[in-house]
Amino acid sequence: MLLFICLAVLIMYVANIVGTLRKERQLTQVELAEAVGVSRQTVIAIEKGNYTPSVTLALKIAAFFQTPVESIFTLHDAT
């Protein structure tokens, strides 16, 4: 049973609209990074979907954009 649960978690991924929100507000990746206290490389990785931010960082991003965190980050099935 535990193996099944672990496999189910492995086929899920977090999608986000950080890049879209940033571009709509005409912000650079550097500006967003400075606003939420991370590097530009972290913003790039989040936008590409290569990095899932911590809950704390996700909440900072949501607060910055004044948008509910669940509207920015969504869990999807990879299958």
N, C-alpha and C. Protein backbone atom coordinates (compact mmCIF):
# COMPACT_ATOMS: atom_id res chain seq x y z
N MET A 1 0.83 -1.20 0.00
CA MET A 1 0.00 0.00 0.00
C MET A 1 0.87 1.25 0.00
N LEU A 2 1.91 1.26 0.82
CA LEU A 2 2.80 2.42 0.90
C LEU A 2 3.49 2.66 -0.44
N LEU A 3 3.90 1.59 -1.10
CA LEU A 3 4.53 1.71 -2.41
C LEU A 3 3.58 2.37 -3.41
N PHE A 4 2.32 1.99 -3.40
CA PHE A 4 1.33 2.58 -4.30
C PHE A 4 1.20 4.08 -4.04
N ILE A 5 1.15 4.47 -2.78
CA ILE A 5 1.04 5.89 -2.44
C ILE A 5 2.27 6.65 -2.92
N CYS A 6 3.45 6.09 -2.72
CA CYS A 6 4.69 6.73 -3.18
C CYS A 6 4.70 6.88 -4.69
N LEU A 7 4.27 5.86 -5.42
CA LEU A 7 4.23 5.95 -6.87
C LEU A 7 3.22 7.00 -7.34
N ALA A 8 2.11 7.11 -6.65
CA ALA A 8 1.11 8.11 -7.00
C ALA A 8 1.68 9.51 -6.84
N VAL A 9 2.46 9.72 -5.81
CA VAL A 9 3.07 11.04 -5.59
C VAL A 9 4.08 11.34 -6.68
N LEU A 10 4.81 10.34 -7.13
CA LEU A 10 5.85 10.54 -8.13
C LEU A 10 5.30 10.97 -9.49
N ILE A 11 4.05 10.68 -9.77
CA ILE A 11 3.52 11.04 -11.09
C ILE A 11 2.70 12.34 -11.04
N MET A 12 2.86 13.10 -9.98
CA MET A 12 2.20 14.40 -9.86
C MET A 12 3.25 15.50 -10.04
N TYR A 13 2.85 16.63 -10.55
CA TYR A 13 3.76 17.76 -10.65
C TYR A 13 3.00 19.04 -10.36
N VAL A 14 3.76 20.07 -10.01
CA VAL A 14 3.17 21.36 -9.71
C VAL A 14 3.37 22.28 -10.91
N ALA A 15 2.28 22.77 -11.45
CA ALA A 15 2.34 23.74 -12.54
C ALA A 15 2.16 25.13 -11.94
N ASN A 16 2.64 26.14 -12.64
CA ASN A 16 2.47 27.49 -12.12
C ASN A 16 2.34 28.51 -13.25
N ILE A 17 1.84 29.69 -12.88
CA ILE A 17 1.68 30.78 -13.85
C ILE A 17 2.52 31.99 -13.44
N VAL A 18 3.63 31.73 -12.74
CA VAL A 18 4.49 32.83 -12.26
C VAL A 18 4.99 33.67 -13.43
N GLY A 19 5.46 33.03 -14.48
CA GLY A 19 5.97 33.77 -15.64
C GLY A 19 4.90 34.64 -16.29
N THR A 20 3.71 34.11 -16.40
CA THR A 20 2.60 34.86 -16.98
C THR A 20 2.27 36.08 -16.14
N LEU A 21 2.16 35.88 -14.83
CA LEU A 21 1.86 37.01 -13.94
C LEU A 21 2.96 38.06 -13.99
N ARG A 22 4.20 37.60 -14.00
CA ARG A 22 5.33 38.53 -14.04
C ARG A 22 5.31 39.36 -15.32
N LYS A 23 5.08 38.71 -16.44
CA LYS A 23 5.06 39.41 -17.73
C LYS A 23 3.87 40.36 -17.84
N GLU A 24 2.71 39.95 -17.32
CA GLU A 24 1.54 40.84 -17.33
C GLU A 24 1.82 42.14 -16.59
N ARG A 25 2.63 42.05 -15.56
CA ARG A 25 2.96 43.24 -14.76
C ARG A 25 4.23 43.92 -15.23
N GLN A 26 4.77 43.44 -16.34
CA GLN A 26 5.97 44.00 -16.97
C GLN A 26 7.14 44.08 -15.99
N LEU A 27 7.35 42.98 -15.29
CA LEU A 27 8.46 42.87 -14.35
C LEU A 27 9.55 42.00 -14.94
N THR A 28 10.78 42.28 -14.58
CA THR A 28 11.88 41.39 -14.97
C THR A 28 11.98 40.28 -13.94
N GLN A 29 12.69 39.24 -14.30
CA GLN A 29 12.93 38.16 -13.35
C GLN A 29 13.73 38.66 -12.15
N VAL A 30 14.63 39.59 -12.39
CA VAL A 30 15.42 40.18 -11.30
C VAL A 30 14.53 40.94 -10.34
N GLU A 31 13.60 41.72 -10.86
CA GLU A 31 12.70 42.49 -10.00
C GLU A 31 11.84 41.57 -9.13
N LEU A 32 11.32 40.51 -9.72
CA LEU A 32 10.52 39.57 -8.95
C LEU A 32 11.39 38.88 -7.90
N ALA A 33 12.57 38.46 -8.30
CA ALA A 33 13.48 37.78 -7.38
C ALA A 33 13.79 38.66 -6.17
N GLU A 34 14.11 39.92 -6.42
CA GLU A 34 14.41 40.84 -5.32
C GLU A 34 13.20 41.05 -4.42
N ALA A 35 12.03 41.11 -5.02
CA ALA A 35 10.81 41.36 -4.24
C ALA A 35 10.48 40.21 -3.29
N VAL A 36 10.81 38.98 -3.68
CA VAL A 36 10.47 37.83 -2.84
C VAL A 36 11.69 37.22 -2.15
N GLY A 37 12.86 37.81 -2.36
CA GLY A 37 14.05 37.40 -1.63
C GLY A 37 14.75 36.14 -2.11
N VAL A 38 14.75 35.95 -3.43
CA VAL A 38 15.47 34.80 -4.01
C VAL A 38 16.35 35.29 -5.15
N SER A 39 17.09 34.38 -5.75
CA SER A 39 17.93 34.72 -6.90
C SER A 39 17.12 34.69 -8.20
N ARG A 40 17.66 35.33 -9.22
CA ARG A 40 17.02 35.30 -10.54
C ARG A 40 16.96 33.86 -11.04
N GLN A 41 18.00 33.08 -10.73
CA GLN A 41 18.04 31.69 -11.16
C GLN A 41 16.88 30.89 -10.55
N THR A 42 16.51 31.21 -9.32
CA THR A 42 15.38 30.54 -8.69
C THR A 42 14.09 30.88 -9.41
N VAL A 43 13.91 32.14 -9.76
CA VAL A 43 12.71 32.55 -10.51
C VAL A 43 12.66 31.83 -11.85
N ILE A 44 13.79 31.76 -12.53
CA ILE A 44 13.84 31.06 -13.81
C ILE A 44 13.42 29.60 -13.64
N ALA A 45 13.97 28.93 -12.62
CA ALA A 45 13.66 27.52 -12.38
C ALA A 45 12.18 27.32 -12.05
N ILE A 46 11.60 28.23 -11.27
CA ILE A 46 10.17 28.13 -10.94
C ILE A 46 9.35 28.30 -12.21
N GLU A 47 9.66 29.32 -13.00
CA GLU A 47 8.88 29.57 -14.22
C GLU A 47 8.96 28.40 -15.20
N LYS A 48 10.11 27.74 -15.28
CA LYS A 48 10.28 26.60 -16.19
C LYS A 48 9.65 25.32 -15.63
N GLY A 49 9.29 25.34 -14.36
CA GLY A 49 8.74 24.14 -13.74
C GLY A 49 9.82 23.18 -13.27
N ASN A 50 11.06 23.64 -13.22
CA ASN A 50 12.16 22.79 -12.77
C ASN A 50 12.35 22.82 -11.26
N TYR A 51 11.65 23.70 -10.57
CA TYR A 51 11.79 23.85 -9.13
C TYR A 51 10.43 24.18 -8.54
N THR A 52 10.05 23.42 -7.54
CA THR A 52 8.81 23.70 -6.82
C THR A 52 9.19 24.46 -5.56
N PRO A 53 8.69 25.67 -5.41
CA PRO A 53 9.09 26.47 -4.25
C PRO A 53 8.53 25.91 -2.94
N SER A 54 9.19 26.28 -1.86
CA SER A 54 8.68 25.92 -0.54
C SER A 54 7.34 26.60 -0.33
N VAL A 55 6.62 26.16 0.67
CA VAL A 55 5.34 26.79 0.99
C VAL A 55 5.56 28.27 1.32
N THR A 56 6.61 28.56 2.06
CA THR A 56 6.91 29.95 2.43
C THR A 56 7.14 30.81 1.19
N LEU A 57 7.94 30.32 0.26
CA LEU A 57 8.21 31.08 -0.95
C LEU A 57 6.96 31.20 -1.82
N ALA A 58 6.19 30.14 -1.93
CA ALA A 58 4.95 30.19 -2.70
C ALA A 58 4.00 31.25 -2.12
N LEU A 59 3.93 31.33 -0.80
CA LEU A 59 3.09 32.33 -0.15
C LEU A 59 3.62 33.74 -0.38
N LYS A 60 4.94 33.91 -0.39
CA LYS A 60 5.52 35.23 -0.68
C LYS A 60 5.18 35.67 -2.10
N ILE A 61 5.29 34.74 -3.04
CA ILE A 61 4.97 35.05 -4.44
C ILE A 61 3.49 35.41 -4.56
N ALA A 62 2.64 34.65 -3.92
CA ALA A 62 1.20 34.93 -3.97
C ALA A 62 0.89 36.29 -3.37
N ALA A 63 1.51 36.60 -2.25
CA ALA A 63 1.29 37.90 -1.62
C ALA A 63 1.79 39.03 -2.51
N PHE A 64 2.93 38.83 -3.15
CA PHE A 64 3.47 39.85 -4.05
C PHE A 64 2.49 40.15 -5.18
N PHE A 65 1.93 39.10 -5.77
CA PHE A 65 0.99 39.28 -6.88
C PHE A 65 -0.44 39.53 -6.40
N GLN A 66 -0.65 39.49 -5.10
CA GLN A 66 -1.98 39.67 -4.51
C GLN A 66 -2.99 38.72 -5.17
N THR A 67 -2.57 37.47 -5.24
CA THR A 67 -3.35 36.42 -5.87
C THR A 67 -3.32 35.18 -4.97
N PRO A 68 -4.42 34.48 -4.83
CA PRO A 68 -4.39 33.27 -4.00
C PRO A 68 -3.34 32.27 -4.49
N VAL A 69 -2.63 31.68 -3.55
CA VAL A 69 -1.56 30.75 -3.90
C VAL A 69 -2.07 29.60 -4.77
N GLU A 70 -3.30 29.15 -4.52
CA GLU A 70 -3.82 28.03 -5.31
C GLU A 70 -4.19 28.45 -6.74
N SER A 71 -4.24 29.74 -7.01
CA SER A 71 -4.46 30.21 -8.38
C SER A 71 -3.14 30.26 -9.15
N ILE A 72 -2.03 30.32 -8.43
CA ILE A 72 -0.71 30.40 -9.06
C ILE A 72 -0.09 29.02 -9.21
N PHE A 73 -0.19 28.22 -8.17
CA PHE A 73 0.43 26.89 -8.16
C PHE A 73 -0.66 25.84 -8.09
N THR A 74 -0.67 24.91 -9.04
CA THR A 74 -1.68 23.86 -9.07
C THR A 74 -1.03 22.50 -9.24
N LEU A 75 -1.58 21.51 -8.60
CA LEU A 75 -1.08 20.14 -8.68
C LEU A 75 -1.75 19.44 -9.86
N HIS A 76 -0.92 18.80 -10.69
CA HIS A 76 -1.44 18.10 -11.87
C HIS A 76 -0.93 16.67 -11.91
N ASP A 77 -1.70 15.82 -12.51
CA ASP A 77 -1.32 14.42 -12.73
C ASP A 77 -0.47 14.36 -13.98
N ALA A 78 0.69 13.77 -13.89
CA ALA A 78 1.62 13.69 -15.02
C ALA A 78 1.29 12.58 -16.00
N THR A 79 0.29 11.77 -15.70
CA THR A 79 -0.03 10.67 -16.62
C THR A 79 -1.05 11.07 -17.64
